[in-house]
Amino acid sequence: KNVEVTIPNSAILGGQILDYSALAQRQGLILHT
């Protein structure tokens, strides 16, 4: 929605991170519904 969100690094390190772009170029990202 074009909103910039600032997240402290300590909150990122203590939580879960989902990276949709990590394997998209080599293996492709699977979209499902």
ModelCIF file with pLDDT and N, C-alpha, C, O atoms, coordinates in Angstrom:
data_MODEL
#
_entry.id   MODEL 
#
_entity.id                         1 
_entity.type                       polymer 
_entity.pdbx_number_of_molecules   1 
#
_entity_poly.entity_id                      1 
_entity_poly.type                           'polypeptide(L)' 
_entity_poly.nstd_linkage                   no 
_entity_poly.nstd_monomer                   no 
_entity_poly.pdbx_seq_one_letter_code       KNVEVTIPNSAILGGQILDYSALAQRQGLILHT 
_entity_poly.pdbx_seq_one_letter_code_can   KNVEVTIPNSAILGGQILDYSALAQRQGLILHT 
_entity_poly.pdbx_strand_id                 A 
#
loop_
_entity_poly_seq.entity_id 
_entity_poly_seq.num 
_entity_poly_seq.mon_id 
_entity_poly_seq.hetero 
1 1  LYS n 
1 2  ASN n 
1 3  VAL n 
1 4  GLU n 
1 5  VAL n 
1 6  THR n 
1 7  ILE n 
1 8  PRO n 
1 9  ASN n 
1 10 SER n 
1 11 ALA n 
1 12 ILE n 
1 13 LEU n 
1 14 GLY n 
1 15 GLY n 
1 16 GLN n 
1 17 ILE n 
1 18 LEU n 
1 19 ASP n 
1 20 TYR n 
1 21 SER n 
1 22 ALA n 
1 23 LEU n 
1 24 ALA n 
1 25 GLN n 
1 26 ARG n 
1 27 GLN n 
1 28 GLY n 
1 29 LEU n 
1 30 ILE n 
1 31 LEU n 
1 32 HIS n 
1 33 THR n 
#
_struct_asym.id          A 
_struct_asym.entity_id   1 
#
loop_
_ma_qa_metric.id 
_ma_qa_metric.mode 
_ma_qa_metric.name 
_ma_qa_metric.software_group_id 
_ma_qa_metric.type 
1 global pLDDT . pLDDT 
2 local  pLDDT . pLDDT 
#
_ma_qa_metric_global.metric_id      1 
_ma_qa_metric_global.metric_value   88.09 
_ma_qa_metric_global.model_id       1 
_ma_qa_metric_global.ordinal_id     1 
#
loop_
_ma_qa_metric_local.label_asym_id 
_ma_qa_metric_local.label_comp_id 
_ma_qa_metric_local.label_seq_id 
_ma_qa_metric_local.metric_id 
_ma_qa_metric_local.metric_value 
_ma_qa_metric_local.model_id 
_ma_qa_metric_local.ordinal_id 
A LYS 1  2 89.00 1 1  
A ASN 2  2 89.00 1 2  
A VAL 3  2 92.00 1 3  
A GLU 4  2 91.00 1 4  
A VAL 5  2 91.00 1 5  
A THR 6  2 90.00 1 6  
A ILE 7  2 90.00 1 7  
A PRO 8  2 89.00 1 8  
A ASN 9  2 88.00 1 9  
A SER 10 2 87.00 1 10 
A ALA 11 2 87.00 1 11 
A ILE 12 2 88.00 1 12 
A LEU 13 2 86.00 1 13 
A GLY 14 2 83.00 1 14 
A GLY 15 2 84.00 1 15 
A GLN 16 2 87.00 1 16 
A ILE 17 2 88.00 1 17 
A LEU 18 2 89.00 1 18 
A ASP 19 2 89.00 1 19 
A TYR 20 2 89.00 1 20 
A SER 21 2 87.00 1 21 
A ALA 22 2 85.00 1 22 
A LEU 23 2 86.00 1 23 
A ALA 24 2 83.00 1 24 
A GLN 25 2 81.00 1 25 
A ARG 26 2 83.00 1 26 
A GLN 27 2 87.00 1 27 
A GLY 28 2 87.00 1 28 
A LEU 29 2 91.00 1 29 
A ILE 30 2 92.00 1 30 
A LEU 31 2 93.00 1 31 
A HIS 32 2 93.00 1 32 
A THR 33 2 93.00 1 33 
#
loop_
_atom_site.group_PDB 
_atom_site.id 
_atom_site.type_symbol 
_atom_site.label_atom_id 
_atom_site.label_alt_id 
_atom_site.label_comp_id 
_atom_site.label_asym_id 
_atom_site.label_entity_id 
_atom_site.label_seq_id 
_atom_site.pdbx_PDB_ins_code 
_atom_site.Cartn_x 
_atom_site.Cartn_y 
_atom_site.Cartn_z 
_atom_site.occupancy 
_atom_site.B_iso_or_equiv 
_atom_site.pdbx_formal_charge 
_atom_site.auth_seq_id 
_atom_site.auth_comp_id 
_atom_site.auth_asym_id 
_atom_site.auth_atom_id 
_atom_site.pdbx_PDB_model_num 
ATOM 1   N N  . LYS A 1 1  ? 0.821  -1.212  0.000   1.00 89.00 ? 1  LYS A N  1 
ATOM 2   C CA . LYS A 1 1  ? 0.000  0.000   0.000   1.00 89.00 ? 1  LYS A CA 1 
ATOM 3   C C  . LYS A 1 1  ? 0.857  1.265   0.000   1.00 89.00 ? 1  LYS A C  1 
ATOM 4   O O  . LYS A 1 1  ? 0.355  2.361   0.252   1.00 89.00 ? 1  LYS A O  1 
ATOM 5   N N  . ASN A 1 2  ? 2.172  1.105   -0.288  1.00 89.00 ? 2  ASN A N  1 
ATOM 6   C CA . ASN A 1 2  ? 3.113  2.225   -0.361  1.00 89.00 ? 2  ASN A CA 1 
ATOM 7   C C  . ASN A 1 2  ? 3.238  2.954   0.974   1.00 89.00 ? 2  ASN A C  1 
ATOM 8   O O  . ASN A 1 2  ? 3.282  4.184   1.027   1.00 89.00 ? 2  ASN A O  1 
ATOM 9   N N  . VAL A 1 3  ? 3.295  2.172   2.046   1.00 92.00 ? 3  VAL A N  1 
ATOM 10  C CA . VAL A 1 3  ? 3.514  2.708   3.389   1.00 92.00 ? 3  VAL A CA 1 
ATOM 11  C C  . VAL A 1 3  ? 4.880  2.220   3.864   1.00 92.00 ? 3  VAL A C  1 
ATOM 12  O O  . VAL A 1 3  ? 5.172  1.025   3.809   1.00 92.00 ? 3  VAL A O  1 
ATOM 13  N N  . GLU A 1 4  ? 5.711  3.143   4.326   1.00 91.00 ? 4  GLU A N  1 
ATOM 14  C CA . GLU A 1 4  ? 7.038  2.775   4.822   1.00 91.00 ? 4  GLU A CA 1 
ATOM 15  C C  . GLU A 1 4  ? 6.946  2.427   6.303   1.00 91.00 ? 4  GLU A C  1 
ATOM 16  O O  . GLU A 1 4  ? 6.461  3.220   7.109   1.00 91.00 ? 4  GLU A O  1 
ATOM 17  N N  . VAL A 1 5  ? 7.415  1.235   6.648   1.00 91.00 ? 5  VAL A N  1 
ATOM 18  C CA . VAL A 1 5  ? 7.366  0.733   8.017   1.00 91.00 ? 5  VAL A CA 1 
ATOM 19  C C  . VAL A 1 5  ? 8.798  0.566   8.514   1.00 91.00 ? 5  VAL A C  1 
ATOM 20  O O  . VAL A 1 5  ? 9.623  -0.065  7.854   1.00 91.00 ? 5  VAL A O  1 
ATOM 21  N N  . THR A 1 6  ? 9.089  1.138   9.687   1.00 90.00 ? 6  THR A N  1 
ATOM 22  C CA . THR A 1 6  ? 10.404 1.032   10.310  1.00 90.00 ? 6  THR A CA 1 
ATOM 23  C C  . THR A 1 6  ? 10.328 0.012   11.446  1.00 90.00 ? 6  THR A C  1 
ATOM 24  O O  . THR A 1 6  ? 9.527  0.156   12.370  1.00 90.00 ? 6  THR A O  1 
ATOM 25  N N  . ILE A 1 7  ? 11.169 -1.015  11.367  1.00 90.00 ? 7  ILE A N  1 
ATOM 26  C CA . ILE A 1 7  ? 11.148 -2.109  12.340  1.00 90.00 ? 7  ILE A CA 1 
ATOM 27  C C  . ILE A 1 7  ? 12.508 -2.175  13.029  1.00 90.00 ? 7  ILE A C  1 
ATOM 28  O O  . ILE A 1 7  ? 13.527 -2.252  12.343  1.00 90.00 ? 7  ILE A O  1 
ATOM 29  N N  . PRO A 1 8  ? 12.560 -2.149  14.354  1.00 89.00 ? 8  PRO A N  1 
ATOM 30  C CA . PRO A 1 8  ? 13.853 -2.295  15.054  1.00 89.00 ? 8  PRO A CA 1 
ATOM 31  C C  . PRO A 1 8  ? 14.473 -3.661  14.762  1.00 89.00 ? 8  PRO A C  1 
ATOM 32  O O  . PRO A 1 8  ? 13.775 -4.667  14.636  1.00 89.00 ? 8  PRO A O  1 
ATOM 33  N N  . ASN A 1 9  ? 15.784 -3.668  14.660  1.00 88.00 ? 9  ASN A N  1 
ATOM 34  C CA . ASN A 1 9  ? 16.480 -4.913  14.320  1.00 88.00 ? 9  ASN A CA 1 
ATOM 35  C C  . ASN A 1 9  ? 16.332 -5.978  15.395  1.00 88.00 ? 9  ASN A C  1 
ATOM 36  O O  . ASN A 1 9  ? 16.325 -7.169  15.084  1.00 88.00 ? 9  ASN A O  1 
ATOM 37  N N  . SER A 1 10 ? 16.213 -5.567  16.662  1.00 87.00 ? 10 SER A N  1 
ATOM 38  C CA . SER A 1 10 ? 16.044 -6.561  17.724  1.00 87.00 ? 10 SER A CA 1 
ATOM 39  C C  . SER A 1 10 ? 14.718 -7.304  17.572  1.00 87.00 ? 10 SER A C  1 
ATOM 40  O O  . SER A 1 10 ? 14.645 -8.497  17.867  1.00 87.00 ? 10 SER A O  1 
ATOM 41  N N  . ALA A 1 11 ? 13.663 -6.613  17.114  1.00 87.00 ? 11 ALA A N  1 
ATOM 42  C CA . ALA A 1 11 ? 12.383 -7.277  16.878  1.00 87.00 ? 11 ALA A CA 1 
ATOM 43  C C  . ALA A 1 11 ? 12.468 -8.250  15.703  1.00 87.00 ? 11 ALA A C  1 
ATOM 44  O O  . ALA A 1 11 ? 11.817 -9.295  15.715  1.00 87.00 ? 11 ALA A O  1 
ATOM 45  N N  . ILE A 1 12 ? 13.261 -7.915  14.696  1.00 88.00 ? 12 ILE A N  1 
ATOM 46  C CA . ILE A 1 12 ? 13.416 -8.807  13.542  1.00 88.00 ? 12 ILE A CA 1 
ATOM 47  C C  . ILE A 1 12 ? 14.177 -10.066 13.936  1.00 88.00 ? 12 ILE A C  1 
ATOM 48  O O  . ILE A 1 12 ? 13.809 -11.176 13.550  1.00 88.00 ? 12 ILE A O  1 
ATOM 49  N N  . LEU A 1 13 ? 15.250 -9.879  14.715  1.00 86.00 ? 13 LEU A N  1 
ATOM 50  C CA . LEU A 1 13 ? 16.077 -11.026 15.095  1.00 86.00 ? 13 LEU A CA 1 
ATOM 51  C C  . LEU A 1 13 ? 15.314 -11.990 15.993  1.00 86.00 ? 13 LEU A C  1 
ATOM 52  O O  . LEU A 1 13 ? 15.575 -13.193 15.958  1.00 86.00 ? 13 LEU A O  1 
ATOM 53  N N  . GLY A 1 14 ? 14.380 -11.491 16.795  1.00 83.00 ? 14 GLY A N  1 
ATOM 54  C CA . GLY A 1 14 ? 13.636 -12.355 17.701  1.00 83.00 ? 14 GLY A CA 1 
ATOM 55  C C  . GLY A 1 14 ? 12.384 -12.942 17.103  1.00 83.00 ? 14 GLY A C  1 
ATOM 56  O O  . GLY A 1 14 ? 11.656 -13.643 17.806  1.00 83.00 ? 14 GLY A O  1 
ATOM 57  N N  . GLY A 1 15 ? 12.092 -12.692 15.830  1.00 84.00 ? 15 GLY A N  1 
ATOM 58  C CA . GLY A 1 15 ? 10.876 -13.207 15.209  1.00 84.00 ? 15 GLY A CA 1 
ATOM 59  C C  . GLY A 1 15 ? 11.180 -14.024 13.968  1.00 84.00 ? 15 GLY A C  1 
ATOM 60  O O  . GLY A 1 15 ? 12.328 -14.365 13.685  1.00 84.00 ? 15 GLY A O  1 
ATOM 61  N N  . GLN A 1 16 ? 10.117 -14.328 13.237  1.00 87.00 ? 16 GLN A N  1 
ATOM 62  C CA . GLN A 1 16 ? 10.216 -15.140 12.027  1.00 87.00 ? 16 GLN A CA 1 
ATOM 63  C C  . GLN A 1 16 ? 10.303 -14.230 10.804  1.00 87.00 ? 16 GLN A C  1 
ATOM 64  O O  . GLN A 1 16 ? 9.623  -13.206 10.725  1.00 87.00 ? 16 GLN A O  1 
ATOM 65  N N  . ILE A 1 17 ? 11.148 -14.618 9.858   1.00 88.00 ? 17 ILE A N  1 
ATOM 66  C CA . ILE A 1 17 ? 11.342 -13.847 8.628   1.00 88.00 ? 17 ILE A CA 1 
ATOM 67  C C  . ILE A 1 17 ? 10.998 -14.742 7.443   1.00 88.00 ? 17 ILE A C  1 
ATOM 68  O O  . ILE A 1 17 ? 11.561 -15.827 7.293   1.00 88.00 ? 17 ILE A O  1 
ATOM 69  N N  . LEU A 1 18 ? 10.086 -14.290 6.615   1.00 89.00 ? 18 LEU A N  1 
ATOM 70  C CA . LEU A 1 18 ? 9.745  -14.992 5.372   1.00 89.00 ? 18 LEU A CA 1 
ATOM 71  C C  . LEU A 1 18 ? 10.280 -14.167 4.204   1.00 89.00 ? 18 LEU A C  1 
ATOM 72  O O  . LEU A 1 18 ? 9.877  -13.020 4.012   1.00 89.00 ? 18 LEU A O  1 
ATOM 73  N N  . ASP A 1 19 ? 11.189 -14.755 3.426   1.00 89.00 ? 19 ASP A N  1 
ATOM 74  C CA . ASP A 1 19 ? 11.775 -14.084 2.270   1.00 89.00 ? 19 ASP A CA 1 
ATOM 75  C C  . ASP A 1 19 ? 11.219 -14.741 1.004   1.00 89.00 ? 19 ASP A C  1 
ATOM 76  O O  . ASP A 1 19 ? 11.574 -15.872 0.672   1.00 89.00 ? 19 ASP A O  1 
ATOM 77  N N  . TYR A 1 20 ? 10.343 -14.016 0.307   1.00 89.00 ? 20 TYR A N  1 
ATOM 78  C CA . TYR A 1 20 ? 9.735  -14.562 -0.905  1.00 89.00 ? 20 TYR A CA 1 
ATOM 79  C C  . TYR A 1 20 ? 10.670 -14.481 -2.107  1.00 89.00 ? 20 TYR A C  1 
ATOM 80  O O  . TYR A 1 20 ? 10.439 -15.154 -3.111  1.00 89.00 ? 20 TYR A O  1 
ATOM 81  N N  . SER A 1 21 ? 11.726 -13.665 -2.021  1.00 87.00 ? 21 SER A N  1 
ATOM 82  C CA . SER A 1 21 ? 12.606 -13.438 -3.172  1.00 87.00 ? 21 SER A CA 1 
ATOM 83  C C  . SER A 1 21 ? 13.867 -14.290 -3.142  1.00 87.00 ? 21 SER A C  1 
ATOM 84  O O  . SER A 1 21 ? 14.618 -14.291 -4.117  1.00 87.00 ? 21 SER A O  1 
ATOM 85  N N  . ALA A 1 22 ? 14.123 -15.014 -2.060  1.00 85.00 ? 22 ALA A N  1 
ATOM 86  C CA . ALA A 1 22 ? 15.400 -15.709 -1.907  1.00 85.00 ? 22 ALA A CA 1 
ATOM 87  C C  . ALA A 1 22 ? 15.623 -16.730 -3.022  1.00 85.00 ? 22 ALA A C  1 
ATOM 88  O O  . ALA A 1 22 ? 16.718 -16.792 -3.580  1.00 85.00 ? 22 ALA A O  1 
ATOM 89  N N  . LEU A 1 23 ? 14.608 -17.532 -3.360  1.00 86.00 ? 23 LEU A N  1 
ATOM 90  C CA . LEU A 1 23 ? 14.750 -18.598 -4.353  1.00 86.00 ? 23 LEU A CA 1 
ATOM 91  C C  . LEU A 1 23 ? 13.958 -18.330 -5.618  1.00 86.00 ? 23 LEU A C  1 
ATOM 92  O O  . LEU A 1 23 ? 13.866 -19.199 -6.486  1.00 86.00 ? 23 LEU A O  1 
ATOM 93  N N  . ALA A 1 24 ? 13.384 -17.142 -5.736  1.00 83.00 ? 24 ALA A N  1 
ATOM 94  C CA . ALA A 1 24 ? 12.472 -16.876 -6.849  1.00 83.00 ? 24 ALA A CA 1 
ATOM 95  C C  . ALA A 1 24 ? 13.186 -16.902 -8.190  1.00 83.00 ? 24 ALA A C  1 
ATOM 96  O O  . ALA A 1 24 ? 12.631 -17.419 -9.160  1.00 83.00 ? 24 ALA A O  1 
ATOM 97  N N  . GLN A 1 25 ? 14.401 -16.363 -8.282  1.00 81.00 ? 25 GLN A N  1 
ATOM 98  C CA . GLN A 1 25 ? 15.083 -16.290 -9.559  1.00 81.00 ? 25 GLN A CA 1 
ATOM 99  C C  . GLN A 1 25 ? 15.659 -17.637 -9.988  1.00 81.00 ? 25 GLN A C  1 
ATOM 100 O O  . GLN A 1 25 ? 15.704 -17.935 -11.181 1.00 81.00 ? 25 GLN A O  1 
ATOM 101 N N  . ARG A 1 26 ? 16.101 -18.457 -9.029  1.00 83.00 ? 26 ARG A N  1 
ATOM 102 C CA . ARG A 1 26 ? 16.726 -19.736 -9.381  1.00 83.00 ? 26 ARG A CA 1 
ATOM 103 C C  . ARG A 1 26 ? 15.706 -20.867 -9.499  1.00 83.00 ? 26 ARG A C  1 
ATOM 104 O O  . ARG A 1 26 ? 15.751 -21.636 -10.459 1.00 83.00 ? 26 ARG A O  1 
ATOM 105 N N  . GLN A 1 27 ? 14.797 -20.978 -8.547  1.00 87.00 ? 27 GLN A N  1 
ATOM 106 C CA . GLN A 1 27 ? 13.857 -22.097 -8.531  1.00 87.00 ? 27 GLN A CA 1 
ATOM 107 C C  . GLN A 1 27 ? 12.406 -21.673 -8.711  1.00 87.00 ? 27 GLN A C  1 
ATOM 108 O O  . GLN A 1 27 ? 11.550 -22.505 -9.011  1.00 87.00 ? 27 GLN A O  1 
ATOM 109 N N  . GLY A 1 28 ? 12.122 -20.396 -8.531  1.00 87.00 ? 28 GLY A N  1 
ATOM 110 C CA . GLY A 1 28 ? 10.754 -19.925 -8.666  1.00 87.00 ? 28 GLY A CA 1 
ATOM 111 C C  . GLY A 1 28 ? 10.012 -19.954 -7.344  1.00 87.00 ? 28 GLY A C  1 
ATOM 112 O O  . GLY A 1 28 ? 10.195 -20.866 -6.538  1.00 87.00 ? 28 GLY A O  1 
ATOM 113 N N  . LEU A 1 29 ? 9.178  -18.955 -7.127  1.00 91.00 ? 29 LEU A N  1 
ATOM 114 C CA . LEU A 1 29 ? 8.317  -18.897 -5.950  1.00 91.00 ? 29 LEU A CA 1 
ATOM 115 C C  . LEU A 1 29 ? 6.964  -19.515 -6.285  1.00 91.00 ? 29 LEU A C  1 
ATOM 116 O O  . LEU A 1 29 ? 6.367  -19.184 -7.309  1.00 91.00 ? 29 LEU A O  1 
ATOM 117 N N  . ILE A 1 30 ? 6.478  -20.410 -5.429  1.00 92.00 ? 30 ILE A N  1 
ATOM 118 C CA . ILE A 1 30 ? 5.198  -21.080 -5.668  1.00 92.00 ? 30 ILE A CA 1 
ATOM 119 C C  . ILE A 1 30 ? 4.079  -20.266 -5.028  1.00 92.00 ? 30 ILE A C  1 
ATOM 120 O O  . ILE A 1 30 ? 4.048  -20.083 -3.811  1.00 92.00 ? 30 ILE A O  1 
ATOM 121 N N  . LEU A 1 31 ? 3.172  -19.785 -5.854  1.00 93.00 ? 31 LEU A N  1 
ATOM 122 C CA . LEU A 1 31 ? 1.947  -19.132 -5.390  1.00 93.00 ? 31 LEU A CA 1 
ATOM 123 C C  . LEU A 1 31 ? 0.827  -20.174 -5.402  1.00 93.00 ? 31 LEU A C  1 
ATOM 124 O O  . LEU A 1 31 ? 0.723  -20.965 -6.339  1.00 93.00 ? 31 LEU A O  1 
ATOM 125 N N  . HIS A 1 32 ? 0.002  -20.173 -4.379  1.00 93.00 ? 32 HIS A N  1 
ATOM 126 C CA . HIS A 1 32 ? -1.032 -21.208 -4.296  1.00 93.00 ? 32 HIS A CA 1 
ATOM 127 C C  . HIS A 1 32 ? -2.317 -20.603 -3.738  1.00 93.00 ? 32 HIS A C  1 
ATOM 128 O O  . HIS A 1 32 ? -2.297 -19.689 -2.914  1.00 93.00 ? 32 HIS A O  1 
ATOM 129 N N  . THR A 1 33 ? -3.424 -21.144 -4.215  1.00 93.00 ? 33 THR A N  1 
ATOM 130 C CA . THR A 1 33 ? -4.736 -20.761 -3.715  1.00 93.00 ? 33 THR A CA 1 
ATOM 131 C C  . THR A 1 33 ? -5.661 -21.965 -3.826  1.00 93.00 ? 33 THR A C  1 
ATOM 132 O O  . THR A 1 33 ? -6.833 -21.878 -3.459  1.00 93.00 ? 33 THR A O  1 
#
